[in-house]
PDB file of N, CA and C in Angstrom:
ATOM      1  N   UNK A   1       0.841  -1.165   0.000  1.00  0.00           N
ATOM      2  CA  UNK A   1       0.000   0.000   0.000  1.00  0.00           C
ATOM      3  C   UNK A   1       0.894   1.239   0.000  1.00  0.00           C
ATOM      4  N   UNK A   2       0.552   2.195  -0.835  1.00  0.00           N
ATOM      5  CA  UNK A   2       1.303   3.438  -0.912  1.00  0.00           C
ATOM      6  C   UNK A   2       0.472   4.570  -0.317  1.00  0.00           C
ATOM      7  N   UNK A   3       1.109   5.355   0.526  1.00  0.00           N
ATOM      8  CA  UNK A   3       0.456   6.515   1.119  1.00  0.00           C
ATOM      9  C   UNK A   3       1.056   7.782   0.513  1.00  0.00           C
ATOM     10  N   UNK A   4       0.229   8.789   0.399  1.00  0.00           N
ATOM     11  CA  UNK A   4       0.769  10.081  -0.012  1.00  0.00           C
ATOM     12  C   UNK A   4       1.540  10.669   1.165  1.00  0.00           C
ATOM     13  N   UNK A   5       2.389  11.623   0.895  1.00  0.00           N
ATOM     14  CA  UNK A   5       3.121  12.281   1.979  1.00  0.00           C
ATOM     15  C   UNK A   5       2.159  12.953   2.950  1.00  0.00           C
ATOM     16  N   UNK A   6       1.118  13.552   2.393  1.00  0.00           N
ATOM     17  CA  UNK A   6       0.131  14.244   3.221  1.00  0.00           C
ATOM     18  C   UNK A   6      -0.515  13.270   4.206  1.00  0.00           C
ATOM     19  N   UNK A   7      -0.893  12.099   3.723  1.00  0.00           N
ATOM     20  CA  UNK A   7      -1.500  11.079   4.577  1.00  0.00           C
ATOM     21  C   UNK A   7      -0.493  10.577   5.603  1.00  0.00           C
ATOM     22  N   UNK A   8       0.746  10.385   5.171  1.00  0.00           N
ATOM     23  CA  UNK A   8       1.798   9.947   6.084  1.00  0.00           C
ATOM     24  C   UNK A   8       1.983  10.960   7.210  1.00  0.00           C
ATOM     25  N   UNK A   9       2.022  12.239   6.864  1.00  0.00           N
ATOM     26  CA  UNK A   9       2.186  13.279   7.875  1.00  0.00           C
ATOM     27  C   UNK A   9       0.984  13.330   8.813  1.00  0.00           C
ATOM     28  N   UNK A  10      -0.216  13.159   8.273  1.00  0.00           N
ATOM     29  CA  UNK A  10      -1.416  13.169   9.110  1.00  0.00           C
ATOM     30  C   UNK A  10      -1.376  12.010  10.110  1.00  0.00           C
ATOM     31  N   UNK A  11      -0.968  10.843   9.655  1.00  0.00           N
ATOM     32  CA  UNK A  11      -0.860   9.705  10.565  1.00  0.00           C
ATOM     33  C   UNK A  11       0.207   9.942  11.623  1.00  0.00           C
ATOM     34  N   UNK A  12       1.317  10.543  11.243  1.00  0.00           N
ATOM     35  CA  UNK A  12       2.369  10.851  12.220  1.00  0.00           C
ATOM     36  C   UNK A  12       1.860  11.808  13.293  1.00  0.00           C
ATOM     37  N   UNK A  13       1.104  12.810  12.870  1.00  0.00           N
ATOM     38  CA  UNK A  13       0.538  13.779  13.823  1.00  0.00           C
ATOM     39  C   UNK A  13      -0.399  13.070  14.790  1.00  0.00           C
ATOM     40  N   UNK A  14      -1.276  12.239  14.267  1.00  0.00           N
ATOM     41  CA  UNK A  14      -2.242  11.539  15.120  1.00  0.00           C
ATOM     42  C   UNK A  14      -1.557  10.561  16.074  1.00  0.00           C
ATOM     43  N   UNK A  15      -0.565   9.853  15.598  1.00  0.00           N
ATOM     44  CA  UNK A  15       0.161   8.904  16.449  1.00  0.00           C
ATOM     45  C   UNK A  15       0.929   9.648  17.542  1.00  0.00           C
ATOM     46  N   UNK A  16       1.579  10.741  17.167  1.00  0.00           N
ATOM     47  CA  UNK A  16       2.332  11.522  18.148  1.00  0.00           C
ATOM     48  C   UNK A  16       1.404  12.038  19.239  1.00  0.00           C
ATOM     49  N   UNK A  17       0.263  12.554  18.820  1.00  0.00           N
ATOM     50  CA  UNK A  17      -0.690  13.086  19.788  1.00  0.00           C
ATOM     51  C   UNK A  17      -1.304  11.973  20.640  1.00  0.00           C
ATOM     52  N   UNK A  18      -1.572  10.827  20.057  1.00  0.00           N
ATOM     53  CA  UNK A  18      -2.158   9.705  20.804  1.00  0.00           C
ATOM     54  C   UNK A  18      -1.196   9.162  21.863  1.00  0.00           C
ATOM     55  N   UNK A  19       0.086   9.276  21.612  1.00  0.00           N
ATOM     56  CA  UNK A  19       1.085   8.795  22.570  1.00  0.00           C
ATOM     57  C   UNK A  19       1.200   9.711  23.784  1.00  0.00           C
ATOM     58  N   UNK A  20       0.662  10.925  23.663  1.00  0.00           N
ATOM     59  CA  UNK A  20       0.710  11.909  24.751  1.00  0.00           C
ATOM     60  C   UNK A  20      -0.681  12.491  24.991  1.00  0.00           C
ATOM     61  N   UNK A  21      -1.608  11.679  25.491  1.00  0.00           N
ATOM     62  CA  UNK A  21      -3.009  12.123  25.586  1.00  0.00           C
ATOM     63  C   UNK A  21      -3.259  13.244  26.599  1.00  0.00           C
ATOM     64  N   UNK A  22      -2.426  13.401  27.568  1.00  0.00           N
ATOM     65  CA  UNK A  22      -2.678  14.390  28.619  1.00  0.00           C
ATOM     66  C   UNK A  22      -1.938  15.709  28.396  1.00  0.00           C
ATOM     67  N   UNK A  23      -1.203  15.825  27.297  1.00  0.00           N
ATOM     68  CA  UNK A  23      -0.428  17.042  27.072  1.00  0.00           C
ATOM     69  C   UNK A  23      -0.811  17.697  25.748  1.00  0.00           C
ATOM     70  N   UNK A  24      -0.569  18.996  25.663  1.00  0.00           N
ATOM     71  CA  UNK A  24      -0.723  19.699  24.401  1.00  0.00           C
ATOM     72  C   UNK A  24       0.553  19.499  23.594  1.00  0.00           C
ATOM     73  N   UNK A  25       0.394  19.243  22.333  1.00  0.00           N
ATOM     74  CA  UNK A  25       1.539  19.053  21.448  1.00  0.00           C
ATOM     75  C   UNK A  25       1.579  20.202  20.456  1.00  0.00           C
ATOM     76  N   UNK A  26       2.704  20.867  20.352  1.00  0.00           N
ATOM     77  CA  UNK A  26       2.817  21.955  19.391  1.00  0.00           C
ATOM     78  C   UNK A  26       3.287  21.407  18.046  1.00  0.00           C
ATOM     79  N   UNK A  27       3.004  22.161  17.008  1.00  0.00           N
ATOM     80  CA  UNK A  27       3.429  21.745  15.678  1.00  0.00           C
ATOM     81  C   UNK A  27       4.952  21.732  15.601  1.00  0.00           C
ATOM     82  N   UNK A  28       5.589  22.690  16.243  1.00  0.00           N
ATOM     83  CA  UNK A  28       7.052  22.720  16.254  1.00  0.00           C
ATOM     84  C   UNK A  28       7.647  21.483  16.899  1.00  0.00           C
ATOM     85  N   UNK A  29       7.032  21.051  17.979  1.00  0.00           N
ATOM     86  CA  UNK A  29       7.483  19.848  18.691  1.00  0.00           C
ATOM     87  C   UNK A  29       7.337  18.617  17.799  1.00  0.00           C
ATOM     88  N   UNK A  30       6.195  18.488  17.146  1.00  0.00           N
ATOM     89  CA  UNK A  30       5.956  17.340  16.262  1.00  0.00           C
ATOM     90  C   UNK A  30       6.887  17.416  15.058  1.00  0.00           C
ATOM     91  N   UNK A  31       7.091  18.612  14.544  1.00  0.00           N
ATOM     92  CA  UNK A  31       7.966  18.803  13.392  1.00  0.00           C
ATOM     93  C   UNK A  31       9.385  18.324  13.685  1.00  0.00           C
ATOM     94  N   UNK A  32       9.903  18.690  14.834  1.00  0.00           N
ATOM     95  CA  UNK A  32      11.253  18.274  15.219  1.00  0.00           C
ATOM     96  C   UNK A  32      11.331  16.772  15.448  1.00  0.00           C
ATOM     97  N   UNK A  33      10.326  16.204  16.093  1.00  0.00           N
ATOM     98  CA  UNK A  33      10.337  14.777  16.403  1.00  0.00           C
ATOM     99  C   UNK A  33      10.228  13.904  15.148  1.00  0.00           C
ATOM    100  N   UNK A  34       9.456  14.365  14.173  1.00  0.00           N
ATOM    101  CA  UNK A  34       9.219  13.558  12.969  1.00  0.00           C
ATOM    102  C   UNK A  34      10.109  13.945  11.797  1.00  0.00           C
ATOM    103  N   UNK A  35      10.811  15.069  11.913  1.00  0.00           N
ATOM    104  CA  UNK A  35      11.661  15.501  10.824  1.00  0.00           C
ATOM    105  C   UNK A  35      10.884  15.985   9.610  1.00  0.00           C
ATOM    106  N   UNK A  36       9.764  16.659   9.870  1.00  0.00           N
ATOM    107  CA  UNK A  36       8.884  17.157   8.804  1.00  0.00           C
ATOM    108  C   UNK A  36       8.836  18.679   8.903  1.00  0.00           C
ATOM    109  N   UNK A  37       8.700  19.322   7.767  1.00  0.00           N
ATOM    110  CA  UNK A  37       8.639  20.780   7.712  1.00  0.00           C
ATOM    111  C   UNK A  37       7.487  21.326   8.553  1.00  0.00           C
ATOM    112  N   UNK A  38       7.763  22.388   9.282  1.00  0.00           N
ATOM    113  CA  UNK A  38       6.746  23.045  10.108  1.00  0.00           C
ATOM    114  C   UNK A  38       5.583  23.524   9.246  1.00  0.00           C
ATOM    115  N   UNK A  39       5.878  24.103   8.092  1.00  0.00           N
ATOM    116  CA  UNK A  39       4.828  24.630   7.218  1.00  0.00           C
ATOM    117  C   UNK A  39       3.907  23.530   6.709  1.00  0.00           C
ATOM    118  N   UNK A  40       4.458  22.384   6.354  1.00  0.00           N
ATOM    119  CA  UNK A  40       3.633  21.272   5.898  1.00  0.00           C
ATOM    120  C   UNK A  40       2.725  20.789   7.024  1.00  0.00           C
ATOM    121  N   UNK A  41       3.288  20.676   8.224  1.00  0.00           N
ATOM    122  CA  UNK A  41       2.494  20.196   9.350  1.00  0.00           C
ATOM    123  C   UNK A  41       1.389  21.163   9.737  1.00  0.00           C
ATOM    124  N   UNK A  42       1.596  22.434   9.540  1.00  0.00           N
ATOM    125  CA  UNK A  42       0.545  23.411   9.832  1.00  0.00           C
ATOM    126  C   UNK A  42      -0.687  23.112   8.997  1.00  0.00           C
ATOM    127  N   UNK A  43      -0.496  22.855   7.718  1.00  0.00           N
ATOM    128  CA  UNK A  43      -1.622  22.516   6.838  1.00  0.00           C
ATOM    129  C   UNK A  43      -2.262  21.191   7.229  1.00  0.00           C
ATOM    130  N   UNK A  44      -1.435  20.220   7.566  1.00  0.00           N
ATOM    131  CA  UNK A  44      -1.955  18.899   7.942  1.00  0.00           C
ATOM    132  C   UNK A  44      -2.778  18.989   9.221  1.00  0.00           C
ATOM    133  N   UNK A  45      -2.265  19.677  10.230  1.00  0.00           N
ATOM    134  CA  UNK A  45      -2.979  19.794  11.505  1.00  0.00           C
ATOM    135  C   UNK A  45      -4.302  20.528  11.311  1.00  0.00           C
ATOM    136  N   UNK A  46      -4.297  21.526  10.460  1.00  0.00           N
ATOM    137  CA  UNK A  46      -5.530  22.254  10.172  1.00  0.00           C
ATOM    138  C   UNK A  46      -6.579  21.316   9.561  1.00  0.00           C
ATOM    139  N   UNK A  47      -6.193  20.508   8.602  1.00  0.00           N
ATOM    140  CA  UNK A  47      -7.125  19.572   7.963  1.00  0.00           C
ATOM    141  C   UNK A  47      -7.572  18.469   8.924  1.00  0.00           C
ATOM    142  N   UNK A  48      -6.664  17.968   9.740  1.00  0.00           N
ATOM    143  CA  UNK A  48      -7.022  16.937  10.730  1.00  0.00           C
ATOM    144  C   UNK A  48      -8.048  17.494  11.707  1.00  0.00           C
ATOM    145  N   UNK A  49      -7.860  18.731  12.127  1.00  0.00           N
ATOM    146  CA  UNK A  49      -8.813  19.374  13.027  1.00  0.00           C
ATOM    147  C   UNK A  49     -10.168  19.571  12.370  1.00  0.00           C
ATOM    148  N   UNK A  50     -10.165  19.979  11.103  1.00  0.00           N
ATOM    149  CA  UNK A  50     -11.429  20.166  10.378  1.00  0.00           C
ATOM    150  C   UNK A  50     -12.166  18.852  10.167  1.00  0.00           C
ATOM    151  N   UNK A  51     -11.418  17.764  10.029  1.00  0.00           N
ATOM    152  CA  UNK A  51     -12.029  16.454   9.819  1.00  0.00           C
ATOM    153  C   UNK A  51     -12.607  15.878  11.107  1.00  0.00           C
ATOM    154  N   UNK A  52     -12.286  16.487  12.235  1.00  0.00           N
ATOM    155  CA  UNK A  52     -12.810  16.014  13.508  1.00  0.00           C
ATOM    156  C   UNK A  52     -12.000  14.889  14.120  1.00  0.00           C
ATOM    157  N   UNK A  53     -10.839  14.598  13.551  1.00  0.00           N
ATOM    158  CA  UNK A  53      -9.994  13.509  14.062  1.00  0.00           C
ATOM    159  C   UNK A  53      -9.125  13.957  15.227  1.00  0.00           C
ATOM    160  N   UNK A  54      -9.034  15.222  15.439  1.00  0.00           N
ATOM    161  CA  UNK A  54      -8.229  15.769  16.518  1.00  0.00           C
ATOM    162  C   UNK A  54      -8.693  17.186  16.777  1.00  0.00           C
ATOM    163  N   UNK A  55      -8.109  17.806  17.733  1.00  0.00           N
ATOM    164  CA  UNK A  55      -8.486  19.186  17.986  1.00  0.00           C
ATOM    165  C   UNK A  55      -7.262  20.067  17.812  1.00  0.00           C
ATOM    166  N   UNK A  56      -7.436  21.158  17.120  1.00  0.00           N
ATOM    167  CA  UNK A  56      -6.365  22.120  16.927  1.00  0.00           C
ATOM    168  C   UNK A  56      -6.810  23.451  17.520  1.00  0.00           C
ATOM    169  N   UNK A  57      -5.970  24.024  18.299  1.00  0.00           N
ATOM    170  CA  UNK A  57      -6.292  25.305  18.930  1.00  0.00           C
ATOM    171  C   UNK A  57      -5.184  26.300  18.632  1.00  0.00           C
ATOM    172  N   UNK A  58      -5.574  27.508  18.320  1.00  0.00           N
ATOM    173  CA  UNK A  58      -4.570  28.554  18.107  1.00  0.00           C
ATOM    174  C   UNK A  58      -4.103  29.027  19.473  1.00  0.00           C
ATOM    175  N   UNK A  59      -2.830  29.063  19.615  1.00  0.00           N
ATOM    176  CA  UNK A  59      -2.217  29.538  20.850  1.00  0.00           C
ATOM    177  C   UNK A  59      -1.307  30.698  20.517  1.00  0.00           C
ATOM    178  N   UNK A  60      -0.631  31.186  21.519  1.00  0.00           N
ATOM    179  CA  UNK A  60       0.260  32.319  21.339  1.00  0.00           C
ATOM    180  C   UNK A  60       1.304  32.057  20.253  1.00  0.00           C
ATOM    181  N   UNK A  61       1.805  30.851  20.204  1.00  0.00           N
ATOM    182  CA  UNK A  61       2.829  30.505  19.229  1.00  0.00           C
ATOM    183  C   UNK A  61       2.274  29.954  17.932  1.00  0.00           C
ATOM    184  N   UNK A  62       0.968  29.951  17.743  1.00  0.00           N
ATOM    185  CA  UNK A  62       0.354  29.411  16.534  1.00  0.00           C
ATOM    186  C   UNK A  62      -0.570  28.263  16.865  1.00  0.00           C
ATOM    187  N   UNK A  63      -0.722  27.349  15.933  1.00  0.00           N
ATOM    188  CA  UNK A  63      -1.582  26.175  16.147  1.00  0.00           C
ATOM    189  C   UNK A  63      -0.901  25.205  17.085  1.00  0.00           C
ATOM    190  N   UNK A  64      -1.683  24.518  17.912  1.00  0.00           N
ATOM    191  CA  UNK A  64      -1.133  23.467  18.769  1.00  0.00           C
ATOM    192  C   UNK A  64      -1.936  22.215  18.591  1.00  0.00           C
TER     193      UNK A  64
END
């Protein structure tokens, strides 16, 4: 099975967040841990939040 990069990044975001259910995860933190561009993850997190698979909140430093 082949996944698009976008799908791969979305799964990485969801897995990272699922591993830390009691904490807020920033996009910068996920970006560093997964080795993915911050800008790409911003778009992915926005779409994941819109799909209802996770929650994204704007904070002082941007989306979390």
